[in-house]
Amino acid sequence: MRDDRERLIDIQQSIAAINKYAKKGRAVFEAEELIQTWIVHHLQIIGEAASKISEGFQDEHPQIPWPKIIGMRNILVHDYFGIDIDIVWQVIEKDLTELEETIKNLL
């Protein structure tokens, strides 16, 4: 069974995977279905990993918006026809950098 540290590494690796293509910019993201799929897939991994992190660890680190991360994963997985790429891009631009830094500090 994977522990909390391994789950944090999963999140860190998924952020790196997202950044690999997000750095091409929003226009490319909007135009390229494969890049959209890649990014959404890795956001799902982030949410899944977050959902598997122990409640104790989550309680110790309330600076990470665990419910929002997990909630986004649920939307991406279960409401895939309703995915709003504007919201996805907003998460990339505004939230992932902060999450990446926080995870880096925890590791």
C-alpha atoms as a PDB file:
ATOM      1  CA  MET A   1       0.000   0.000   0.000  1.00  0.00           C
ATOM      2  CA  ARG A   2       1.244   3.463  -0.890  1.00  0.00           C
ATOM      3  CA  ASP A   3       1.926   5.867   1.947  1.00  0.00           C
ATOM      4  CA  ASP A   4       1.325   9.608   2.185  1.00  0.00           C
ATOM      5  CA  ARG A   5       4.829  10.456   0.972  1.00  0.00           C
ATOM      6  CA  GLU A   6       4.389   8.345  -2.148  1.00  0.00           C
ATOM      7  CA  ARG A   7       1.046  10.055  -2.811  1.00  0.00           C
ATOM      8  CA  LEU A   8       2.733  13.451  -2.503  1.00  0.00           C
ATOM      9  CA  ILE A   9       5.319  12.316  -5.033  1.00  0.00           C
ATOM     10  CA  ASP A  10       2.470  11.252  -7.348  1.00  0.00           C
ATOM     11  CA  ILE A  11       1.040  14.766  -7.059  1.00  0.00           C
ATOM     12  CA  GLN A  12       4.435  16.327  -7.671  1.00  0.00           C
ATOM     13  CA  GLN A  13       5.037  14.186 -10.756  1.00  0.00           C
ATOM     14  CA  SER A  14       1.594  14.978 -12.156  1.00  0.00           C
ATOM     15  CA  ILE A  15       2.179  18.698 -11.725  1.00  0.00           C
ATOM     16  CA  ALA A  16       5.459  18.337 -13.626  1.00  0.00           C
ATOM     17  CA  ALA A  17       3.650  16.430 -16.386  1.00  0.00           C
ATOM     18  CA  ILE A  18       1.021  19.172 -16.639  1.00  0.00           C
ATOM     19  CA  ASN A  19       3.647  21.907 -16.727  1.00  0.00           C
ATOM     20  CA  LYS A  20       5.424  20.135 -19.572  1.00  0.00           C
ATOM     21  CA  TYR A  21       2.574  21.051 -21.932  1.00  0.00           C
ATOM     22  CA  ALA A  22       0.955  23.977 -20.131  1.00  0.00           C
ATOM     23  CA  LYS A  23       4.083  26.020 -20.756  1.00  0.00           C
ATOM     24  CA  LYS A  24       3.088  26.058 -24.440  1.00  0.00           C
ATOM     25  CA  GLY A  25       0.330  28.467 -23.446  1.00  0.00           C
ATOM     26  CA  ARG A  26      -3.406  28.695 -23.374  1.00  0.00           C
ATOM     27  CA  ALA A  27      -3.888  28.962 -27.139  1.00  0.00           C
ATOM     28  CA  VAL A  28      -2.175  25.609 -27.678  1.00  0.00           C
ATOM     29  CA  PHE A  29      -4.103  24.109 -24.764  1.00  0.00           C
ATOM     30  CA  GLU A  30      -7.403  25.232 -26.299  1.00  0.00           C
ATOM     31  CA  ALA A  31      -6.464  24.054 -29.791  1.00  0.00           C
ATOM     32  CA  GLU A  32      -4.964  20.658 -28.975  1.00  0.00           C
ATOM     33  CA  GLU A  33      -7.371  17.986 -27.773  1.00  0.00           C
ATOM     34  CA  LEU A  34      -4.520  15.656 -26.839  1.00  0.00           C
ATOM     35  CA  ILE A  35      -2.956  18.289 -24.596  1.00  0.00           C
ATOM     36  CA  GLN A  36      -6.321  18.947 -22.956  1.00  0.00           C
ATOM     37  CA  THR A  37      -6.741  15.214 -22.352  1.00  0.00           C
ATOM     38  CA  TRP A  38      -3.182  14.924 -20.998  1.00  0.00           C
ATOM     39  CA  ILE A  39      -3.693  17.773 -18.561  1.00  0.00           C
ATOM     40  CA  VAL A  40      -7.126  16.603 -17.409  1.00  0.00           C
ATOM     41  CA  HIS A  41      -5.749  13.095 -16.882  1.00  0.00           C
ATOM     42  CA  HIS A  42      -2.977  14.386 -14.641  1.00  0.00           C
ATOM     43  CA  LEU A  43      -5.392  16.598 -12.719  1.00  0.00           C
ATOM     44  CA  GLN A  44      -7.408  13.437 -12.098  1.00  0.00           C
ATOM     45  CA  ILE A  45      -4.277  11.727 -10.762  1.00  0.00           C
ATOM     46  CA  ILE A  46      -3.632  14.671  -8.439  1.00  0.00           C
ATOM     47  CA  GLY A  47      -7.176  14.427  -7.099  1.00  0.00           C
ATOM     48  CA  GLU A  48      -7.019  10.671  -6.724  1.00  0.00           C
ATOM     49  CA  ALA A  49      -3.696  10.839  -4.892  1.00  0.00           C
ATOM     50  CA  ALA A  50      -5.072  13.588  -2.626  1.00  0.00           C
ATOM     51  CA  SER A  51      -8.119  11.458  -1.817  1.00  0.00           C
ATOM     52  CA  LYS A  52      -5.860   8.599  -0.693  1.00  0.00           C
ATOM     53  CA  ILE A  53      -3.736  10.708   1.649  1.00  0.00           C
ATOM     54  CA  SER A  54      -4.588   9.919   5.249  1.00  0.00           C
ATOM     55  CA  GLU A  55      -7.070  12.111   7.094  1.00  0.00           C
ATOM     56  CA  GLY A  56      -4.455  12.718   9.754  1.00  0.00           C
ATOM     57  CA  PHE A  57      -1.992  14.101   7.231  1.00  0.00           C
ATOM     58  CA  GLN A  58      -4.701  16.211   5.626  1.00  0.00           C
ATOM     59  CA  ASP A  59      -5.676  17.593   9.046  1.00  0.00           C
ATOM     60  CA  GLU A  60      -2.018  18.437   9.764  1.00  0.00           C
ATOM     61  CA  HIS A  61      -1.758  20.388   6.491  1.00  0.00           C
ATOM     62  CA  PRO A  62      -4.919  22.461   6.111  1.00  0.00           C
ATOM     63  CA  GLN A  63      -3.052  24.952   3.902  1.00  0.00           C
ATOM     64  CA  ILE A  64      -3.656  22.500   1.057  1.00  0.00           C
ATOM     65  CA  PRO A  65      -7.265  22.690  -0.168  1.00  0.00           C
ATOM     66  CA  TRP A  66      -7.804  18.925  -0.054  1.00  0.00           C
ATOM     67  CA  PRO A  67     -11.605  19.036  -0.548  1.00  0.00           C
ATOM     68  CA  LYS A  68     -11.276  21.303  -3.595  1.00  0.00           C
ATOM     69  CA  ILE A  69      -8.599  19.112  -5.165  1.00  0.00           C
ATOM     70  CA  ILE A  70     -10.648  15.972  -4.595  1.00  0.00           C
ATOM     71  CA  GLY A  71     -13.832  17.702  -5.736  1.00  0.00           C
ATOM     72  CA  MET A  72     -12.205  18.753  -8.987  1.00  0.00           C
ATOM     73  CA  ARG A  73     -11.118  15.173  -9.585  1.00  0.00           C
ATOM     74  CA  ASN A  74     -14.701  14.028  -9.106  1.00  0.00           C
ATOM     75  CA  ILE A  75     -15.985  16.573 -11.613  1.00  0.00           C
ATOM     76  CA  LEU A  76     -13.306  15.637 -14.158  1.00  0.00           C
ATOM     77  CA  VAL A  77     -14.069  11.933 -13.813  1.00  0.00           C
ATOM     78  CA  HIS A  78     -17.847  11.963 -13.518  1.00  0.00           C
ATOM     79  CA  ASP A  79     -18.885  15.049 -15.478  1.00  0.00           C
ATOM     80  CA  TYR A  80     -16.480  14.735 -18.387  1.00  0.00           C
ATOM     81  CA  PHE A  81     -18.941  16.236 -20.874  1.00  0.00           C
ATOM     82  CA  GLY A  82     -19.309  19.249 -18.617  1.00  0.00           C
ATOM     83  CA  ILE A  83     -15.620  20.042 -18.156  1.00  0.00           C
ATOM     84  CA  ASP A  84     -15.023  23.766 -18.411  1.00  0.00           C
ATOM     85  CA  ILE A  85     -11.592  24.307 -19.961  1.00  0.00           C
ATOM     86  CA  ASP A  86     -11.570  27.873 -18.640  1.00  0.00           C
ATOM     87  CA  ILE A  87     -11.670  26.508 -15.098  1.00  0.00           C
ATOM     88  CA  VAL A  88      -9.037  23.900 -15.928  1.00  0.00           C
ATOM     89  CA  TRP A  89      -6.736  26.610 -17.273  1.00  0.00           C
ATOM     90  CA  GLN A  90      -7.412  28.794 -14.241  1.00  0.00           C
ATOM     91  CA  VAL A  91      -6.305  25.925 -11.990  1.00  0.00           C
ATOM     92  CA  ILE A  92      -3.125  25.556 -14.038  1.00  0.00           C
ATOM     93  CA  GLU A  93      -2.305  29.255 -13.865  1.00  0.00           C
ATOM     94  CA  LYS A  94      -3.319  30.031 -10.306  1.00  0.00           C
ATOM     95  CA  ASP A  95      -3.329  26.909  -8.188  1.00  0.00           C
ATOM     96  CA  LEU A  96      -0.735  24.420  -9.394  1.00  0.00           C
ATOM     97  CA  THR A  97       2.311  26.603  -8.738  1.00  0.00           C
ATOM     98  CA  GLU A  98       1.308  27.110  -5.118  1.00  0.00           C
ATOM     99  CA  LEU A  99       0.445  23.430  -4.686  1.00  0.00           C
ATOM    100  CA  GLU A 100       3.748  22.431  -6.267  1.00  0.00           C
ATOM    101  CA  GLU A 101       5.691  24.638  -3.848  1.00  0.00           C
ATOM    102  CA  THR A 102       3.770  23.363  -0.835  1.00  0.00           C
ATOM    103  CA  ILE A 103       4.307  19.710  -1.824  1.00  0.00           C
ATOM    104  CA  LYS A 104       8.008  20.386  -2.430  1.00  0.00           C
ATOM    105  CA  ASN A 105       8.329  21.842   1.081  1.00  0.00           C
ATOM    106  CA  LEU A 106       6.497  18.873   2.615  1.00  0.00           C
ATOM    107  CA  LEU A 107       8.777  16.386   0.899  1.00  0.00           C
END
